[in-house]
PDB file of all heavy atoms in Angstrom:
ATOM      1  N   PRO A   1     104.946 100.835 105.421  1.00  0.00           N
ATOM      2  CA  PRO A   1     103.958  99.831 105.930  1.00  0.00           C
ATOM      3  C   PRO A   1     104.319  98.574 104.934  1.00  0.00           C
ATOM      4  O   PRO A   1     104.738  98.680 103.811  1.00  0.00           O
ATOM      5  CB  PRO A   1     102.649 100.329 105.902  1.00  0.00           C
ATOM      6  CG  PRO A   1     102.820 101.400 104.992  1.00  0.00           C
ATOM      7  CD  PRO A   1     104.107 101.965 104.982  1.00  0.00           C
ATOM      8  N   ASN A   2     103.471  97.433 105.330  1.00  0.00           N
ATOM      9  CA  ASN A   2     103.544  96.214 104.398  1.00  0.00           C
ATOM     10  C   ASN A   2     102.788  96.527 103.129  1.00  0.00           C
ATOM     11  O   ASN A   2     101.676  97.110 103.298  1.00  0.00           O
ATOM     12  CB  ASN A   2     102.954  95.119 105.131  1.00  0.00           C
ATOM     13  CG  ASN A   2     103.756  94.563 106.379  1.00  0.00           C
ATOM     14  OD1 ASN A   2     104.992  94.794 106.316  1.00  0.00           O
ATOM     15  ND2 ASN A   2     103.163  94.029 107.450  1.00  0.00           N
ATOM     16  N   GLY A   3     103.347  96.065 102.049  1.00  0.00           N
ATOM     17  CA  GLY A   3     102.610  96.212 100.713  1.00  0.00           C
ATOM     18  C   GLY A   3     102.932  97.491 100.103  1.00  0.00           C
ATOM     19  O   GLY A   3     102.342  97.818  99.087  1.00  0.00           O
ATOM     20  N   CYS A   4     103.742  98.368 100.480  1.00  0.00           N
ATOM     21  CA  CYS A   4     103.974  99.659 100.029  1.00  0.00           C
ATOM     22  C   CYS A   4     104.957  99.579  98.798  1.00  0.00           C
ATOM     23  O   CYS A   4     105.201 100.520  98.044  1.00  0.00           O
ATOM     24  CB  CYS A   4     104.471 100.713 101.093  1.00  0.00           C
ATOM     25  SG  CYS A   4     106.140 100.340 101.669  1.00  0.00           S
ATOM     26  N   GLY A   5     105.709  98.464  98.652  1.00  0.00           N
ATOM     27  CA  GLY A   5     106.651  98.325  97.501  1.00  0.00           C
ATOM     28  C   GLY A   5     108.153  98.398  97.878  1.00  0.00           C
ATOM     29  O   GLY A   5     108.929  98.610  97.035  1.00  0.00           O
ATOM     30  N   LYS A   6     108.466  98.114  99.132  1.00  0.00           N
ATOM     31  CA  LYS A   6     109.848  98.239  99.507  1.00  0.00           C
ATOM     32  C   LYS A   6     110.664  97.052  98.817  1.00  0.00           C
ATOM     33  O   LYS A   6     111.705  97.333  98.233  1.00  0.00           O
ATOM     34  CB  LYS A   6     109.974  98.068 101.053  1.00  0.00           C
ATOM     35  CG  LYS A   6     109.264  99.101 101.911  1.00  0.00           C
ATOM     36  CD  LYS A   6     109.628  98.883 103.484  1.00  0.00           C
ATOM     37  CE  LYS A   6     109.061  97.579 103.849  1.00  0.00           C
ATOM     38  NZ  LYS A   6     107.633  97.530 103.865  1.00  0.00           N
ATOM     39  N   SER A   7     109.989  95.838  98.837  1.00  0.00           N
ATOM     40  CA  SER A   7     110.734  94.830  98.198  1.00  0.00           C
ATOM     41  C   SER A   7     110.916  95.017  96.702  1.00  0.00           C
ATOM     42  O   SER A   7     111.685  94.315  96.060  1.00  0.00           O
ATOM     43  CB  SER A   7     110.016  93.424  98.517  1.00  0.00           C
ATOM     44  OG  SER A   7     109.993  93.163  99.911  1.00  0.00           O
ATOM     45  N   ASN A   8     109.915  95.643  96.027  1.00  0.00           N
ATOM     46  CA  ASN A   8     109.915  95.903  94.712  1.00  0.00           C
ATOM     47  C   ASN A   8     111.235  96.676  94.285  1.00  0.00           C
ATOM     48  O   ASN A   8     111.724  96.596  93.210  1.00  0.00           O
ATOM     49  CB  ASN A   8     108.735  96.657  94.210  1.00  0.00           C
ATOM     50  CG  ASN A   8     107.402  95.859  94.382  1.00  0.00           C
ATOM     51  OD1 ASN A   8     107.529  94.623  94.466  1.00  0.00           O
ATOM     52  ND2 ASN A   8     106.340  96.574  94.412  1.00  0.00           N
ATOM     53  N   ILE A   9     111.736  97.559  95.144  1.00  0.00           N
ATOM     54  CA  ILE A   9     113.000  98.182  94.872  1.00  0.00           C
ATOM     55  C   ILE A   9     114.117  97.215  94.704  1.00  0.00           C
ATOM     56  O   ILE A   9     114.995  97.274  93.762  1.00  0.00           O
ATOM     57  CB  ILE A   9     113.240  99.297  95.980  1.00  0.00           C
ATOM     58  CG1 ILE A   9     112.126 100.261  96.071  1.00  0.00           C
ATOM     59  CG2 ILE A   9     114.576  99.953  95.670  1.00  0.00           C
ATOM     60  CD1 ILE A   9     112.281 101.237  97.196  1.00  0.00           C
ATOM     61  N   MET A  10     114.199  96.226  95.680  1.00  0.00           N
ATOM     62  CA  MET A  10     115.277  95.236  95.508  1.00  0.00           C
ATOM     63  C   MET A  10     115.101  94.439  94.259  1.00  0.00           C
ATOM     64  O   MET A  10     116.105  93.995  93.591  1.00  0.00           O
ATOM     65  CB  MET A  10     115.209  94.284  96.799  1.00  0.00           C
ATOM     66  CG  MET A  10     116.503  93.344  96.958  1.00  0.00           C
ATOM     67  SD  MET A  10     118.007  94.310  97.003  1.00  0.00           S
ATOM     68  CE  MET A  10     117.675  95.147  98.671  1.00  0.00           C
ATOM     69  N   ASP A  11     113.764  93.988  93.922  1.00  0.00           N
ATOM     70  CA  ASP A  11     113.473  93.282  92.786  1.00  0.00           C
ATOM     71  C   ASP A  11     113.974  94.128  91.573  1.00  0.00           C
ATOM     72  O   ASP A  11     114.499  93.392  90.514  1.00  0.00           O
ATOM     73  CB  ASP A  11     112.080  92.931  92.652  1.00  0.00           C
ATOM     74  CG  ASP A  11     111.601  91.886  93.767  1.00  0.00           C
ATOM     75  OD1 ASP A  11     112.517  91.261  94.200  1.00  0.00           O
ATOM     76  OD2 ASP A  11     110.410  91.764  93.996  1.00  0.00           O
ATOM     77  N   ALA A  12     113.763  95.397  91.538  1.00  0.00           N
ATOM     78  CA  ALA A  12     114.138  96.158  90.400  1.00  0.00           C
ATOM     79  C   ALA A  12     115.661  96.161  90.149  1.00  0.00           C
ATOM     80  O   ALA A  12     116.133  95.980  88.980  1.00  0.00           O
ATOM     81  CB  ALA A  12     113.665  97.560  90.538  1.00  0.00           C
ATOM     82  N   VAL A  13     116.372  96.223  91.356  1.00  0.00           N
ATOM     83  CA  VAL A  13     117.929  96.137  91.158  1.00  0.00           C
ATOM     84  C   VAL A  13     118.428  94.786  90.609  1.00  0.00           C
ATOM     85  O   VAL A  13     119.159  94.781  89.663  1.00  0.00           O
ATOM     86  CB  VAL A  13     118.431  96.423  92.587  1.00  0.00           C
ATOM     87  CG1 VAL A  13     120.049  96.259  92.397  1.00  0.00           C
ATOM     88  CG2 VAL A  13     118.069  97.774  92.995  1.00  0.00           C
ATOM     89  N   ARG A  14     117.841  93.718  91.074  1.00  0.00           N
ATOM     90  CA  ARG A  14     118.176  92.436  90.512  1.00  0.00           C
ATOM     91  C   ARG A  14     117.839  92.299  89.093  1.00  0.00           C
ATOM     92  O   ARG A  14     118.456  91.601  88.327  1.00  0.00           O
ATOM     93  CB  ARG A  14     117.560  91.283  91.478  1.00  0.00           C
ATOM     94  CG  ARG A  14     117.983  91.406  92.926  1.00  0.00           C
ATOM     95  CD  ARG A  14     117.307  90.418  93.768  1.00  0.00           C
ATOM     96  NE  ARG A  14     117.545  89.009  93.301  1.00  0.00           N
ATOM     97  CZ  ARG A  14     117.060  87.934  93.836  1.00  0.00           C
ATOM     98  NH1 ARG A  14     116.114  88.052  94.894  1.00  0.00           N
ATOM     99  NH2 ARG A  14     117.277  86.743  93.435  1.00  0.00           N
ATOM    100  N   TRP A  15     116.553  92.835  88.836  1.00  0.00           N
ATOM    101  CA  TRP A  15     116.108  92.655  87.385  1.00  0.00           C
ATOM    102  C   TRP A  15     116.943  93.347  86.405  1.00  0.00           C
ATOM    103  O   TRP A  15     117.232  92.850  85.377  1.00  0.00           O
ATOM    104  CB  TRP A  15     114.659  93.177  87.391  1.00  0.00           C
ATOM    105  CG  TRP A  15     114.008  93.053  86.009  1.00  0.00           C
ATOM    106  CD1 TRP A  15     113.484  91.966  85.411  1.00  0.00           C
ATOM    107  CD2 TRP A  15     113.682  94.177  85.190  1.00  0.00           C
ATOM    108  NE1 TRP A  15     113.053  92.196  84.202  1.00  0.00           N
ATOM    109  CE2 TRP A  15     112.978  93.566  83.990  1.00  0.00           C
ATOM    110  CE3 TRP A  15     113.799  95.480  85.309  1.00  0.00           C
ATOM    111  CZ2 TRP A  15     112.643  94.355  82.991  1.00  0.00           C
ATOM    112  CZ3 TRP A  15     113.361  96.302  84.088  1.00  0.00           C
ATOM    113  CH2 TRP A  15     112.801  95.653  83.023  1.00  0.00           C
ATOM    114  N   VAL A  16     117.351  94.669  86.701  1.00  0.00           N
ATOM    115  CA  VAL A  16     118.243  95.358  85.785  1.00  0.00           C
ATOM    116  C   VAL A  16     119.596  94.746  85.648  1.00  0.00           C
ATOM    117  O   VAL A  16     120.086  95.040  84.648  1.00  0.00           O
ATOM    118  CB  VAL A  16     118.140  96.877  86.155  1.00  0.00           C
ATOM    119  CG1 VAL A  16     119.127  97.118  87.424  1.00  0.00           C
ATOM    120  CG2 VAL A  16     118.556  97.694  85.000  1.00  0.00           C
ATOM    121  N   LEU A  17     119.891  94.031  86.588  1.00  0.00           N
ATOM    122  CA  LEU A  17     121.216  93.407  86.471  1.00  0.00           C
ATOM    123  C   LEU A  17     121.332  92.022  85.852  1.00  0.00           C
ATOM    124  O   LEU A  17     122.329  91.551  85.794  1.00  0.00           O
ATOM    125  CB  LEU A  17     121.917  93.379  87.947  1.00  0.00           C
ATOM    126  CG  LEU A  17     122.298  94.594  88.706  1.00  0.00           C
ATOM    127  CD1 LEU A  17     122.784  94.290  90.163  1.00  0.00           C
ATOM    128  CD2 LEU A  17     123.286  95.333  87.826  1.00  0.00           C
ATOM    129  N   GLY A  18     120.172  91.720  85.234  1.00  0.00           N
ATOM    130  CA  GLY A  18     120.198  90.471  84.364  1.00  0.00           C
ATOM    131  C   GLY A  18     119.385  89.311  84.840  1.00  0.00           C
ATOM    132  O   GLY A  18     119.569  88.228  84.311  1.00  0.00           O
ATOM    133  N   GLU A  19     118.538  89.523  85.904  1.00  0.00           N
ATOM    134  CA  GLU A  19     117.791  88.340  86.393  1.00  0.00           C
ATOM    135  C   GLU A  19     116.754  87.947  85.356  1.00  0.00           C
ATOM    136  O   GLU A  19     115.959  88.824  85.020  1.00  0.00           O
ATOM    137  CB  GLU A  19     117.104  88.734  87.681  1.00  0.00           C
ATOM    138  CG  GLU A  19     116.286  87.590  88.256  1.00  0.00           C
ATOM    139  CD  GLU A  19     116.956  86.458  88.634  1.00  0.00           C
ATOM    140  OE1 GLU A  19     117.889  86.467  89.531  1.00  0.00           O
ATOM    141  OE2 GLU A  19     116.703  85.351  88.069  1.00  0.00           O
ATOM    142  N   SER A  20     116.754  86.601  85.044  1.00  0.00           N
ATOM    143  CA  SER A  20     115.828  86.101  83.906  1.00  0.00           C
ATOM    144  C   SER A  20     114.843  85.117  84.434  1.00  0.00           C
ATOM    145  O   SER A  20     114.101  84.728  83.673  1.00  0.00           O
ATOM    146  CB  SER A  20     116.849  85.610  82.890  1.00  0.00           C
ATOM    147  OG  SER A  20     117.495  84.508  83.356  1.00  0.00           O
ATOM    148  N   LYS A  21     114.934  84.837  85.693  1.00  0.00           N
ATOM    149  CA  LYS A  21     113.955  83.864  86.220  1.00  0.00           C
ATOM    150  C   LYS A  21     112.827  84.655  86.934  1.00  0.00           C
ATOM    151  O   LYS A  21     113.165  85.357  87.995  1.00  0.00           O
ATOM    152  CB  LYS A  21     114.698  82.994  87.228  1.00  0.00           C
ATOM    153  CG  LYS A  21     113.882  81.694  87.574  1.00  0.00           C
ATOM    154  CD  LYS A  21     114.783  80.701  88.448  1.00  0.00           C
ATOM    155  CE  LYS A  21     114.032  79.505  88.648  1.00  0.00           C
ATOM    156  NZ  LYS A  21     114.847  78.476  89.568  1.00  0.00           N
ATOM    157  N   ALA A  22     111.538  84.503  86.508  1.00  0.00           N
ATOM    158  CA  ALA A  22     110.423  85.251  87.020  1.00  0.00           C
ATOM    159  C   ALA A  22     110.238  84.863  88.557  1.00  0.00           C
ATOM    160  O   ALA A  22     109.750  85.659  89.318  1.00  0.00           O
ATOM    161  CB  ALA A  22     109.224  84.918  86.303  1.00  0.00           C
ATOM    162  N   SER A  23     110.471  83.513  88.911  1.00  0.00           N
ATOM    163  CA  SER A  23     110.118  83.141  90.299  1.00  0.00           C
ATOM    164  C   SER A  23     110.991  83.771  91.261  1.00  0.00           C
ATOM    165  O   SER A  23     110.659  84.060  92.494  1.00  0.00           O
ATOM    166  CB  SER A  23     110.287  81.632  90.463  1.00  0.00           C
ATOM    167  OG  SER A  23     111.589  81.208  90.077  1.00  0.00           O
ATOM    168  N   GLU A  24     112.272  84.243  90.891  1.00  0.00           N
ATOM    169  CA  GLU A  24     113.083  85.002  91.693  1.00  0.00           C
ATOM    170  C   GLU A  24     112.700  86.357  91.997  1.00  0.00           C
ATOM    171  O   GLU A  24     113.041  87.100  92.942  1.00  0.00           O
ATOM    172  CB  GLU A  24     114.551  85.096  91.162  1.00  0.00           C
ATOM    173  CG  GLU A  24     115.287  83.702  91.102  1.00  0.00           C
ATOM    174  CD  GLU A  24     115.627  83.144  92.473  1.00  0.00           C
ATOM    175  OE1 GLU A  24     115.793  83.963  93.306  1.00  0.00           O
ATOM    176  OE2 GLU A  24     115.683  81.789  92.616  1.00  0.00           O
ATOM    177  N   LEU A  25     111.840  86.801  91.108  1.00  0.00           N
ATOM    178  CA  LEU A  25     111.189  88.208  91.221  1.00  0.00           C
ATOM    179  C   LEU A  25     109.771  88.141  91.749  1.00  0.00           C
ATOM    180  O   LEU A  25     108.966  89.133  91.600  1.00  0.00           O
ATOM    181  CB  LEU A  25     111.211  88.904  89.891  1.00  0.00           C
ATOM    182  CG  LEU A  25     112.531  89.107  89.287  1.00  0.00           C
ATOM    183  CD1 LEU A  25     112.424  89.643  87.860  1.00  0.00           C
ATOM    184  CD2 LEU A  25     113.405  89.911  90.103  1.00  0.00           C
ATOM    185  N   ARG A  26     109.340  87.065  92.379  1.00  0.00           N
ATOM    186  CA  ARG A  26     107.997  86.771  92.925  1.00  0.00           C
ATOM    187  C   ARG A  26     106.964  87.021  91.930  1.00  0.00           C
ATOM    188  O   ARG A  26     105.982  87.573  92.074  1.00  0.00           O
ATOM    189  CB  ARG A  26     107.694  87.768  94.029  1.00  0.00           C
ATOM    190  CG  ARG A  26     108.817  87.527  95.211  1.00  0.00           C
ATOM    191  CD  ARG A  26     108.697  88.567  96.387  1.00  0.00           C
ATOM    192  NE  ARG A  26     108.700  90.005  95.712  1.00  0.00           N
ATOM    193  CZ  ARG A  26     108.269  91.046  96.238  1.00  0.00           C
ATOM    194  NH1 ARG A  26     107.573  90.995  97.368  1.00  0.00           N
ATOM    195  NH2 ARG A  26     108.469  92.318  95.735  1.00  0.00           N
ATOM    196  N   GLY A  27     107.167  86.404  90.618  1.00  0.00           N
ATOM    197  CA  GLY A  27     106.147  86.378  89.737  1.00  0.00           C
ATOM    198  C   GLY A  27     106.090  85.175  88.910  1.00  0.00           C
ATOM    199  O   GLY A  27     106.831  84.268  88.994  1.00  0.00           O
ATOM    200  N   GLU A  28     105.102  84.913  88.009  1.00  0.00           N
ATOM    201  CA  GLU A  28     104.946  83.722  87.242  1.00  0.00           C
ATOM    202  C   GLU A  28     105.461  83.891  85.949  1.00  0.00           C
ATOM    203  O   GLU A  28     105.958  82.924  85.348  1.00  0.00           O
ATOM    204  CB  GLU A  28     103.384  83.413  87.162  1.00  0.00           C
ATOM    205  CG  GLU A  28     102.660  83.066  88.512  1.00  0.00           C
ATOM    206  CD  GLU A  28     101.212  82.669  88.269  1.00  0.00           C
ATOM    207  OE1 GLU A  28     100.779  82.749  87.161  1.00  0.00           O
ATOM    208  OE2 GLU A  28     100.586  82.340  89.195  1.00  0.00           O
ATOM    209  N   SER A  29     105.476  85.090  85.392  1.00  0.00           N
ATOM    210  CA  SER A  29     106.164  85.291  84.113  1.00  0.00           C
ATOM    211  C   SER A  29     106.877  86.680  84.032  1.00  0.00           C
ATOM    212  O   SER A  29     106.553  87.531  84.886  1.00  0.00           O
ATOM    213  CB  SER A  29     104.968  85.328  82.888  1.00  0.00           C
ATOM    214  OG  SER A  29     104.176  86.357  83.046  1.00  0.00           O
ATOM    215  N   MET A  30     107.680  86.937  83.186  1.00  0.00           N
ATOM    216  CA  MET A  30     108.486  88.193  83.155  1.00  0.00           C
ATOM    217  C   MET A  30     107.593  89.391  82.946  1.00  0.00           C
ATOM    218  O   MET A  30     107.954  90.565  83.349  1.00  0.00           O
ATOM    219  CB  MET A  30     109.587  88.037  82.122  1.00  0.00           C
ATOM    220  CG  MET A  30     110.635  89.145  82.277  1.00  0.00           C
ATOM    221  SD  MET A  30     111.344  89.021  83.870  1.00  0.00           S
ATOM    222  CE  MET A  30     112.258  87.632  83.989  1.00  0.00           C
ATOM    223  N   GLN A  31     106.397  89.194  82.188  1.00  0.00           N
ATOM    224  CA  GLN A  31     105.527  90.343  82.096  1.00  0.00           C
ATOM    225  C   GLN A  31     104.761  90.813  83.265  1.00  0.00           C
ATOM    226  O   GLN A  31     104.201  91.759  83.324  1.00  0.00           O
ATOM    227  CB  GLN A  31     104.462  89.907  81.056  1.00  0.00           C
ATOM    228  CG  GLN A  31     104.832  90.150  79.622  1.00  0.00           C
ATOM    229  CD  GLN A  31     105.857  88.899  79.143  1.00  0.00           C
ATOM    230  OE1 GLN A  31     105.978  87.900  79.829  1.00  0.00           O
ATOM    231  NE2 GLN A  31     106.681  89.245  78.105  1.00  0.00           N
ATOM    232  N   ASP A  32     104.946  89.938  84.412  1.00  0.00           N
ATOM    233  CA  ASP A  32     104.338  90.412  85.607  1.00  0.00           C
ATOM    234  C   ASP A  32     105.092  91.552  86.285  1.00  0.00           C
ATOM    235  O   ASP A  32     104.470  92.164  87.214  1.00  0.00           O
ATOM    236  CB  ASP A  32     104.264  89.263  86.624  1.00  0.00           C
ATOM    237  CG  ASP A  32     103.366  88.088  86.182  1.00  0.00           C
ATOM    238  OD1 ASP A  32     102.421  88.477  85.384  1.00  0.00           O
ATOM    239  OD2 ASP A  32     103.503  86.987  86.720  1.00  0.00           O
ATOM    240  N   VAL A  33     106.307  91.824  85.858  1.00  0.00           N
ATOM    241  CA  VAL A  33     106.995  93.027  86.378  1.00  0.00           C
ATOM    242  C   VAL A  33     106.486  94.341  85.875  1.00  0.00           C
ATOM    243  O   VAL A  33     106.785  95.397  86.453  1.00  0.00           O
ATOM    244  CB  VAL A  33     108.501  93.009  86.224  1.00  0.00           C
ATOM    245  CG1 VAL A  33     109.148  91.643  86.645  1.00  0.00           C
ATOM    246  CG2 VAL A  33     108.843  93.146  84.743  1.00  0.00           C
ATOM    247  N   ILE A  34     105.608  94.210  84.784  1.00  0.00           N
ATOM    248  CA  ILE A  34     105.005  95.611  84.237  1.00  0.00           C
ATOM    249  C   ILE A  34     103.889  95.935  84.986  1.00  0.00           C
ATOM    250  O   ILE A  34     102.987  95.000  85.430  1.00  0.00           O
ATOM    251  CB  ILE A  34     104.687  95.348  82.772  1.00  0.00           C
ATOM    252  CG1 ILE A  34     105.853  94.910  81.902  1.00  0.00           C
ATOM    253  CG2 ILE A  34     104.117  96.598  82.158  1.00  0.00           C
ATOM    254  CD1 ILE A  34     105.755  94.539  80.495  1.00  0.00           C
ATOM    255  N   PHE A  35     103.562  97.083  85.305  1.00  0.00           N
ATOM    256  CA  PHE A  35     102.474  97.704  86.088  1.00  0.00           C
ATOM    257  C   PHE A  35     101.148  97.119  85.443  1.00  0.00           C
ATOM    258  O   PHE A  35     100.877  97.506  84.277  1.00  0.00           O
ATOM    259  CB  PHE A  35     102.514  99.159  86.198  1.00  0.00           C
ATOM    260  CG  PHE A  35     101.255  99.703  86.803  1.00  0.00           C
ATOM    261  CD1 PHE A  35     101.084  99.591  88.271  1.00  0.00           C
ATOM    262  CD2 PHE A  35     100.298 100.409  86.128  1.00  0.00           C
ATOM    263  CE1 PHE A  35      99.963 100.110  88.846  1.00  0.00           C
ATOM    264  CE2 PHE A  35      99.323 100.971  86.826  1.00  0.00           C
ATOM    265  CZ  PHE A  35      99.076 100.710  88.217  1.00  0.00           C
ATOM    266  N   ASN A  36     100.298  96.330  86.118  1.00  0.00           N
ATOM    267  CA  ASN A  36      99.208  95.713  85.573  1.00  0.00           C
ATOM    268  C   ASN A  36      97.893  96.558  85.773  1.00  0.00           C
ATOM    269  O   ASN A  36      96.827  96.043  85.433  1.00  0.00           O
ATOM    270  CB  ASN A  36      98.949  94.363  86.336  1.00  0.00           C
ATOM    271  CG  ASN A  36      98.153  93.418  85.480  1.00  0.00           C
ATOM    272  OD1 ASN A  36      98.008  93.506  84.338  1.00  0.00           O
ATOM    273  ND2 ASN A  36      97.504  92.485  86.059  1.00  0.00           N
ATOM    274  N   GLY A  37      98.017  97.801  86.185  1.00  0.00           N
ATOM    275  CA  GLY A  37      96.766  98.664  86.154  1.00  0.00           C
ATOM    276  C   GLY A  37      96.089  98.595  87.578  1.00  0.00           C
ATOM    277  O   GLY A  37      96.386  97.728  88.399  1.00  0.00           O
ATOM    278  N   SER A  38      95.146  99.545  87.806  1.00  0.00           N
ATOM    279  CA  SER A  38      94.302  99.529  89.028  1.00  0.00           C
ATOM    280  C   SER A  38      93.003 100.178  88.629  1.00  0.00           C
ATOM    281  O   SER A  38      92.589 100.197  87.507  1.00  0.00           O
ATOM    282  CB  SER A  38      95.081 100.512  90.110  1.00  0.00           C
ATOM    283  OG  SER A  38      95.146 101.819  89.591  1.00  0.00           O
TER     284      SER A  38
END
């Protein structure tokens, strides 16, 4: 379903291959890719 994290898998692949721009990973800063708690 929507919001379950499917796009996060694609973001993870792009991130590990060297993506350095946070906006391409749908975030404001690179620290946004770290789990922010619940």
